[in-house]
PDB file of N, CA and C in Angstrom:
ATOM      1  N   MET A   1     -70.095 -14.700  26.866  1.00  0.00           N
ATOM      2  CA  MET A   1     -69.397 -14.693  28.127  1.00  0.00           C
ATOM      3  C   MET A   1     -69.719 -15.934  28.950  1.00  0.00           C
ATOM      4  N   GLU A   2     -70.892 -16.524  28.733  1.00  0.00           N
ATOM      5  CA  GLU A   2     -71.275 -17.719  29.478  1.00  0.00           C
ATOM      6  C   GLU A   2     -70.273 -18.843  29.306  1.00  0.00           C
ATOM      7  N   GLN A   3     -69.736 -19.003  28.111  1.00  0.00           N
ATOM      8  CA  GLN A   3     -68.807 -20.090  27.825  1.00  0.00           C
ATOM      9  C   GLN A   3     -67.503 -19.944  28.605  1.00  0.00           C
ATOM     10  N   LEU A   4     -67.167 -18.748  29.039  1.00  0.00           N
ATOM     11  CA  LEU A   4     -65.919 -18.506  29.745  1.00  0.00           C
ATOM     12  C   LEU A   4     -66.018 -18.781  31.238  1.00  0.00           C
ATOM     13  N   GLN A   5     -67.205 -19.036  31.752  1.00  0.00           N
ATOM     14  CA  GLN A   5     -67.379 -19.224  33.189  1.00  0.00           C
ATOM     15  C   GLN A   5     -66.644 -20.435  33.732  1.00  0.00           C
ATOM     16  N   GLY A   6     -66.443 -21.475  32.936  1.00  0.00           N
ATOM     17  CA  GLY A   6     -65.767 -22.683  33.406  1.00  0.00           C
ATOM     18  C   GLY A   6     -64.250 -22.605  33.342  1.00  0.00           C
ATOM     19  N   LEU A   7     -63.711 -21.486  32.897  1.00  0.00           N
ATOM     20  CA  LEU A   7     -62.266 -21.355  32.746  1.00  0.00           C
ATOM     21  C   LEU A   7     -61.602 -20.894  34.035  1.00  0.00           C
ATOM     22  N   THR A   8     -60.347 -21.307  34.192  1.00  0.00           N
ATOM     23  CA  THR A   8     -59.559 -20.798  35.311  1.00  0.00           C
ATOM     24  C   THR A   8     -59.120 -19.374  34.978  1.00  0.00           C
ATOM     25  N   THR A   9     -58.625 -18.667  35.963  1.00  0.00           N
ATOM     26  CA  THR A   9     -58.132 -17.313  35.739  1.00  0.00           C
ATOM     27  C   THR A   9     -57.011 -17.319  34.703  1.00  0.00           C
ATOM     28  N   ALA A  10     -56.112 -18.286  34.789  1.00  0.00           N
ATOM     29  CA  ALA A  10     -54.992 -18.374  33.839  1.00  0.00           C
ATOM     30  C   ALA A  10     -55.507 -18.591  32.415  1.00  0.00           C
ATOM     31  N   GLN A  11     -56.490 -19.485  32.245  1.00  0.00           N
ATOM     32  CA  GLN A  11     -57.047 -19.745  30.920  1.00  0.00           C
ATOM     33  C   GLN A  11     -57.720 -18.493  30.364  1.00  0.00           C
ATOM     34  N   TYR A  12     -58.421 -17.789  31.210  1.00  0.00           N
ATOM     35  CA  TYR A  12     -59.086 -16.562  30.796  1.00  0.00           C
ATOM     36  C   TYR A  12     -58.067 -15.518  30.347  1.00  0.00           C
ATOM     37  N   GLU A  13     -56.968 -15.391  31.087  1.00  0.00           N
ATOM     38  CA  GLU A  13     -55.922 -14.440  30.736  1.00  0.00           C
ATOM     39  C   GLU A  13     -55.302 -14.782  29.390  1.00  0.00           C
ATOM     40  N   ILE A  14     -55.084 -16.071  29.133  1.00  0.00           N
ATOM     41  CA  ILE A  14     -54.526 -16.495  27.839  1.00  0.00           C
ATOM     42  C   ILE A  14     -55.480 -16.132  26.705  1.00  0.00           C
ATOM     43  N   ILE A  15     -56.756 -16.345  26.903  1.00  0.00           N
ATOM     44  CA  ILE A  15     -57.740 -15.994  25.862  1.00  0.00           C
ATOM     45  C   ILE A  15     -57.707 -14.497  25.596  1.00  0.00           C
ATOM     46  N   ASN A  16     -57.607 -13.696  26.635  1.00  0.00           N
ATOM     47  CA  ASN A  16     -57.514 -12.241  26.450  1.00  0.00           C
ATOM     48  C   ASN A  16     -56.267 -11.868  25.657  1.00  0.00           C
ATOM     49  N   LEU A  17     -55.149 -12.517  25.947  1.00  0.00           N
ATOM     50  CA  LEU A  17     -53.912 -12.234  25.225  1.00  0.00           C
ATOM     51  C   LEU A  17     -54.015 -12.620  23.747  1.00  0.00           C
ATOM     52  N   LEU A  18     -54.781 -13.641  23.459  1.00  0.00           N
ATOM     53  CA  LEU A  18     -54.911 -14.112  22.076  1.00  0.00           C
ATOM     54  C   LEU A  18     -55.600 -13.094  21.175  1.00  0.00           C
ATOM     55  N   SER A  19     -56.270 -12.130  21.756  1.00  0.00           N
ATOM     56  CA  SER A  19     -56.922 -11.110  20.936  1.00  0.00           C
ATOM     57  C   SER A  19     -55.897 -10.254  20.184  1.00  0.00           C
ATOM     58  N   CYS A  20     -54.639 -10.331  20.600  1.00  0.00           N
ATOM     59  CA  CYS A  20     -53.563  -9.585  19.923  1.00  0.00           C
ATOM     60  C   CYS A  20     -52.977 -10.362  18.738  1.00  0.00           C
ATOM     61  N   ILE A  21     -53.350 -11.614  18.573  1.00  0.00           N
ATOM     62  CA  ILE A  21     -52.824 -12.450  17.492  1.00  0.00           C
ATOM     63  C   ILE A  21     -53.647 -12.185  16.234  1.00  0.00           C
ATOM     64  N   ASN A  22     -52.974 -11.666  15.201  1.00  0.00           N
ATOM     65  CA  ASN A  22     -53.710 -11.246  14.012  1.00  0.00           C
ATOM     66  C   ASN A  22     -53.285 -11.929  12.726  1.00  0.00           C
ATOM     67  N   SER A  23     -52.262 -12.766  12.760  1.00  0.00           N
ATOM     68  CA  SER A  23     -51.812 -13.380  11.514  1.00  0.00           C
ATOM     69  C   SER A  23     -51.383 -14.823  11.752  1.00  0.00           C
ATOM     70  N   ASP A  24     -51.299 -15.570  10.662  1.00  0.00           N
ATOM     71  CA  ASP A  24     -50.827 -16.950  10.758  1.00  0.00           C
ATOM     72  C   ASP A  24     -49.386 -16.990  11.256  1.00  0.00           C
ATOM     73  N   GLU A  25     -48.608 -15.985  10.891  1.00  0.00           N
ATOM     74  CA  GLU A  25     -47.218 -15.909  11.347  1.00  0.00           C
ATOM     75  C   GLU A  25     -47.171 -15.747  12.869  1.00  0.00           C
ATOM     76  N   ASP A  26     -48.056 -14.918  13.415  1.00  0.00           N
ATOM     77  CA  ASP A  26     -48.137 -14.743  14.872  1.00  0.00           C
ATOM     78  C   ASP A  26     -48.517 -16.052  15.553  1.00  0.00           C
ATOM     79  N   VAL A  27     -49.455 -16.776  14.966  1.00  0.00           N
ATOM     80  CA  VAL A  27     -49.888 -18.058  15.535  1.00  0.00           C
ATOM     81  C   VAL A  27     -48.715 -19.030  15.548  1.00  0.00           C
ATOM     82  N   SER A  28     -47.983 -19.086  14.454  1.00  0.00           N
ATOM     83  CA  SER A  28     -46.835 -19.977  14.356  1.00  0.00           C
ATOM     84  C   SER A  28     -45.779 -19.632  15.398  1.00  0.00           C
ATOM     85  N   GLU A  29     -45.508 -18.355  15.570  1.00  0.00           N
ATOM     86  CA  GLU A  29     -44.519 -17.927  16.556  1.00  0.00           C
ATOM     87  C   GLU A  29     -44.984 -18.249  17.970  1.00  0.00           C
ATOM     88  N   LEU A  30     -46.270 -18.040  18.243  1.00  0.00           N
ATOM     89  CA  LEU A  30     -46.815 -18.349  19.558  1.00  0.00           C
ATOM     90  C   LEU A  30     -46.722 -19.847  19.845  1.00  0.00           C
ATOM     91  N   LYS A  31     -47.036 -20.669  18.857  1.00  0.00           N
ATOM     92  CA  LYS A  31     -46.922 -22.123  19.029  1.00  0.00           C
ATOM     93  C   LYS A  31     -45.491 -22.499  19.405  1.00  0.00           C
ATOM     94  N   SER A  32     -44.529 -21.883  18.730  1.00  0.00           N
ATOM     95  CA  SER A  32     -43.121 -22.166  19.001  1.00  0.00           C
ATOM     96  C   SER A  32     -42.759 -21.797  20.430  1.00  0.00           C
ATOM     97  N   VAL A  33     -43.217 -20.657  20.884  1.00  0.00           N
ATOM     98  CA  VAL A  33     -42.936 -20.212  22.254  1.00  0.00           C
ATOM     99  C   VAL A  33     -43.576 -21.162  23.264  1.00  0.00           C
ATOM    100  N   ILE A  34     -44.791 -21.583  22.998  1.00  0.00           N
ATOM    101  CA  ILE A  34     -45.484 -22.498  23.920  1.00  0.00           C
ATOM    102  C   ILE A  34     -44.774 -23.845  23.966  1.00  0.00           C
ATOM    103  N   VAL A  35     -44.339 -24.345  22.816  1.00  0.00           N
ATOM    104  CA  VAL A  35     -43.611 -25.617  22.779  1.00  0.00           C
ATOM    105  C   VAL A  35     -42.317 -25.503  23.578  1.00  0.00           C
ATOM    106  N   GLN A  36     -41.602 -24.403  23.430  1.00  0.00           N
ATOM    107  CA  GLN A  36     -40.369 -24.199  24.201  1.00  0.00           C
ATOM    108  C   GLN A  36     -40.660 -24.157  25.700  1.00  0.00           C
ATOM    109  N   PHE A  37     -41.741 -23.482  26.079  1.00  0.00           N
ATOM    110  CA  PHE A  37     -42.136 -23.402  27.481  1.00  0.00           C
ATOM    111  C   PHE A  37     -42.446 -24.794  28.050  1.00  0.00           C
ATOM    112  N   LEU A  38     -43.255 -25.555  27.310  1.00  0.00           N
ATOM    113  CA  LEU A  38     -43.631 -26.890  27.783  1.00  0.00           C
ATOM    114  C   LEU A  38     -42.423 -27.821  27.816  1.00  0.00           C
ATOM    115  N   ASN A  39     -41.535 -27.694  26.841  1.00  0.00           N
ATOM    116  CA  ASN A  39     -40.326 -28.501  26.820  1.00  0.00           C
ATOM    117  C   ASN A  39     -39.456 -28.207  28.045  1.00  0.00           C
ATOM    118  N   SER A  40     -39.355 -26.943  28.402  1.00  0.00           N
ATOM    119  CA  SER A  40     -38.581 -26.558  29.582  1.00  0.00           C
ATOM    120  C   SER A  40     -39.177 -27.165  30.850  1.00  0.00           C
ATOM    121  N   ARG A  41     -40.494 -27.092  30.963  1.00  0.00           N
ATOM    122  CA  ARG A  41     -41.175 -27.679  32.131  1.00  0.00           C
ATOM    123  C   ARG A  41     -40.948 -29.185  32.193  1.00  0.00           C
ATOM    124  N   LEU A  42     -41.068 -29.850  31.046  1.00  0.00           N
ATOM    125  CA  LEU A  42     -40.879 -31.300  30.984  1.00  0.00           C
ATOM    126  C   LEU A  42     -39.448 -31.664  31.363  1.00  0.00           C
ATOM    127  N   GLN A  43     -38.472 -30.923  30.844  1.00  0.00           N
ATOM    128  CA  GLN A  43     -37.080 -31.209  31.163  1.00  0.00           C
ATOM    129  C   GLN A  43     -36.803 -31.051  32.645  1.00  0.00           C
ATOM    130  N   LYS A  44     -37.376 -30.026  33.268  1.00  0.00           N
ATOM    131  CA  LYS A  44     -37.215 -29.839  34.711  1.00  0.00           C
ATOM    132  C   LYS A  44     -37.782 -31.021  35.486  1.00  0.00           C
ATOM    133  N   GLU A  45     -38.938 -31.506  35.063  1.00  0.00           N
ATOM    134  CA  GLU A  45     -39.557 -32.647  35.748  1.00  0.00           C
ATOM    135  C   GLU A  45     -38.728 -33.915  35.556  1.00  0.00           C
ATOM    136  N   ILE A  46     -38.218 -34.131  34.349  1.00  0.00           N
ATOM    137  CA  ILE A  46     -37.366 -35.294  34.095  1.00  0.00           C
ATOM    138  C   ILE A  46     -36.111 -35.220  34.960  1.00  0.00           C
ATOM    139  N   ASP A  47     -35.495 -34.039  35.018  1.00  0.00           N
ATOM    140  CA  ASP A  47     -34.309 -33.861  35.857  1.00  0.00           C
ATOM    141  C   ASP A  47     -34.621 -34.157  37.317  1.00  0.00           C
ATOM    142  N   HIS A  48     -35.772 -33.695  37.793  1.00  0.00           N
ATOM    143  CA  HIS A  48     -36.189 -33.950  39.177  1.00  0.00           C
ATOM    144  C   HIS A  48     -36.336 -35.454  39.428  1.00  0.00           C
ATOM    145  N   LEU A  49     -37.015 -36.152  38.510  1.00  0.00           N
ATOM    146  CA  LEU A  49     -37.203 -37.597  38.659  1.00  0.00           C
ATOM    147  C   LEU A  49     -35.863 -38.332  38.636  1.00  0.00           C
ATOM    148  N   TRP A  50     -34.967 -37.872  37.782  1.00  0.00           N
ATOM    149  CA  TRP A  50     -33.645 -38.491  37.689  1.00  0.00           C
ATOM    150  C   TRP A  50     -32.861 -38.267  38.989  1.00  0.00           C
ATOM    151  N   ASP A  51     -32.900 -37.034  39.481  1.00  0.00           N
ATOM    152  CA  ASP A  51     -32.154 -36.692  40.691  1.00  0.00           C
ATOM    153  C   ASP A  51     -32.648 -37.441  41.921  1.00  0.00           C
ATOM    154  N   ASN A  52     -33.964 -37.680  42.004  1.00  0.00           N
ATOM    155  CA  ASN A  52     -34.476 -38.370  43.197  1.00  0.00           C
ATOM    156  C   ASN A  52     -34.535 -39.892  43.023  1.00  0.00           C
ATOM    157  N   GLY A  53     -34.059 -40.386  41.875  1.00  0.00           N
ATOM    158  CA  GLY A  53     -33.964 -41.828  41.662  1.00  0.00           C
ATOM    159  C   GLY A  53     -35.223 -42.485  41.137  1.00  0.00           C
ATOM    160  N   SER A  54     -36.273 -41.716  40.886  1.00  0.00           N
ATOM    161  CA  SER A  54     -37.506 -42.292  40.338  1.00  0.00           C
ATOM    162  C   SER A  54     -37.345 -42.714  38.885  1.00  0.00           C
ATOM    163  N   LEU A  55     -36.385 -42.095  38.214  1.00  0.00           N
ATOM    164  CA  LEU A  55     -36.098 -42.414  36.818  1.00  0.00           C
ATOM    165  C   LEU A  55     -34.640 -42.826  36.737  1.00  0.00           C
ATOM    166  N   THR A  56     -34.401 -44.007  36.141  1.00  0.00           N
ATOM    167  CA  THR A  56     -33.036 -44.527  36.061  1.00  0.00           C
ATOM    168  C   THR A  56     -32.744 -45.022  34.650  1.00  0.00           C
ATOM    169  N   ASP A  57     -31.491 -45.374  34.425  1.00  0.00           N
ATOM    170  CA  ASP A  57     -31.108 -45.962  33.134  1.00  0.00           C
ATOM    171  C   ASP A  57     -31.910 -47.235  32.862  1.00  0.00           C
ATOM    172  N   ALA A  58     -32.201 -47.989  33.907  1.00  0.00           N
ATOM    173  CA  ALA A  58     -32.969 -49.232  33.746  1.00  0.00           C
ATOM    174  C   ALA A  58     -34.381 -48.943  33.235  1.00  0.00           C
ATOM    175  N   HIS A  59     -35.007 -47.889  33.761  1.00  0.00           N
ATOM    176  CA  HIS A  59     -36.347 -47.515  33.292  1.00  0.00           C
ATOM    177  C   HIS A  59     -36.312 -47.146  31.807  1.00  0.00           C
ATOM    178  N   VAL A  60     -35.340 -46.323  31.452  1.00  0.00           N
ATOM    179  CA  VAL A  60     -35.235 -45.873  30.065  1.00  0.00           C
ATOM    180  C   VAL A  60     -34.970 -47.057  29.150  1.00  0.00           C
ATOM    181  N   ALA A  61     -34.100 -47.962  29.552  1.00  0.00           N
ATOM    182  CA  ALA A  61     -33.801 -49.150  28.749  1.00  0.00           C
ATOM    183  C   ALA A  61     -35.043 -50.025  28.577  1.00  0.00           C
ATOM    184  N   ALA A  62     -35.860 -50.131  29.626  1.00  0.00           N
ATOM    185  CA  ALA A  62     -37.075 -50.951  29.551  1.00  0.00           C
ATOM    186  C   ALA A  62     -38.065 -50.383  28.541  1.00  0.00           C
ATOM    187  N   TRP A  63     -38.087 -49.056  28.385  1.00  0.00           N
ATOM    188  CA  TRP A  63     -39.016 -48.427  27.440  1.00  0.00           C
ATOM    189  C   TRP A  63     -38.733 -48.847  26.002  1.00  0.00           C
ATOM    190  N   GLN A  64     -37.502 -49.239  25.713  1.00  0.00           N
ATOM    191  CA  GLN A  64     -37.156 -49.639  24.346  1.00  0.00           C
ATOM    192  C   GLN A  64     -37.951 -50.866  23.905  1.00  0.00           C
ATOM    193  N   HIS A  65     -38.400 -51.643  24.858  1.00  0.00           N
ATOM    194  CA  HIS A  65     -39.094 -52.888  24.537  1.00  0.00           C
ATOM    195  C   HIS A  65     -40.603 -52.812  24.775  1.00  0.00           C
ATOM    196  N   GLU A  66     -41.092 -51.655  25.185  1.00  0.00           N
ATOM    197  CA  GLU A  66     -42.524 -51.507  25.431  1.00  0.00           C
ATOM    198  C   GLU A  66     -43.276 -51.310  24.127  1.00  0.00           C
ATOM    199  N   HIS A  67     -44.436 -51.892  24.066  1.00  0.00           N
ATOM    200  CA  HIS A  67     -45.332 -51.717  22.929  1.00  0.00           C
ATOM    201  C   HIS A  67     -46.455 -50.818  23.409  1.00  0.00           C
ATOM    202  N   MET A  68     -46.419 -49.553  22.993  1.00  0.00           N
ATOM    203  CA  MET A  68     -47.367 -48.592  23.535  1.00  0.00           C
ATOM    204  C   MET A  68     -48.400 -48.143  22.513  1.00  0.00           C
ATOM    205  N   ARG A  69     -48.486 -48.835  21.401  1.00  0.00           N
ATOM    206  CA  ARG A  69     -49.484 -48.454  20.406  1.00  0.00           C
ATOM    207  C   ARG A  69     -50.872 -48.892  20.844  1.00  0.00           C
ATOM    208  N   THR A  70     -51.847 -48.134  20.446  1.00  0.00           N
ATOM    209  CA  THR A  70     -53.228 -48.445  20.761  1.00  0.00           C
ATOM    210  C   THR A  70     -53.723 -49.519  19.791  1.00  0.00           C
ATOM    211  N   PRO A  71     -54.284 -50.604  20.315  1.00  0.00           N
ATOM    212  CA  PRO A  71     -54.831 -51.619  19.412  1.00  0.00           C
ATOM    213  C   PRO A  71     -56.141 -51.120  18.813  1.00  0.00           C
ATOM    214  N   TYR A  72     -56.286 -51.254  17.535  1.00  0.00           N
ATOM    215  CA  TYR A  72     -57.502 -50.841  16.850  1.00  0.00           C
ATOM    216  C   TYR A  72     -58.189 -52.065  16.256  1.00  0.00           C
ATOM    217  N   LYS A  73     -59.504 -52.089  16.376  1.00  0.00           N
ATOM    218  CA  LYS A  73     -60.276 -53.161  15.762  1.00  0.00           C
ATOM    219  C   LYS A  73     -60.707 -52.693  14.396  1.00  0.00           C
ATOM    220  N   HIS A  74     -60.525 -53.527  13.418  1.00  0.00           N
ATOM    221  CA  HIS A  74     -60.934 -53.178  12.060  1.00  0.00           C
ATOM    222  C   HIS A  74     -62.452 -53.313  11.925  1.00  0.00           C
ATOM    223  N   ALA A  75     -63.044 -52.344  11.249  1.00  0.00           N
ATOM    224  CA  ALA A  75     -64.496 -52.394  11.010  1.00  0.00           C
ATOM    225  C   ALA A  75     -64.795 -53.565  10.085  1.00  0.00           C
ATOM    226  N   GLN A  76     -65.873 -54.252  10.375  1.00  0.00           N
ATOM    227  CA  GLN A  76     -66.245 -55.409   9.553  1.00  0.00           C
ATOM    228  C   GLN A  76     -67.419 -55.087   8.674  1.00  0.00           C
TER     229      GLN A  76
END
């Protein structure tokens, strides 16, 4: 129980709900539901940014030319 002390109420509730997950199929279905939930939240935020002008066609076009990969140093 000590490990749960740093969790928020929402995180604790999710952990309690996970006790009902008993199979790999259940895990897969839960992952799908969570992805759909997060996708919905993300779409709402994108729509909000678009509606208030924070996100424009120019921003999206600029992303096509961004290099966002992490540079890695090769071990010698």
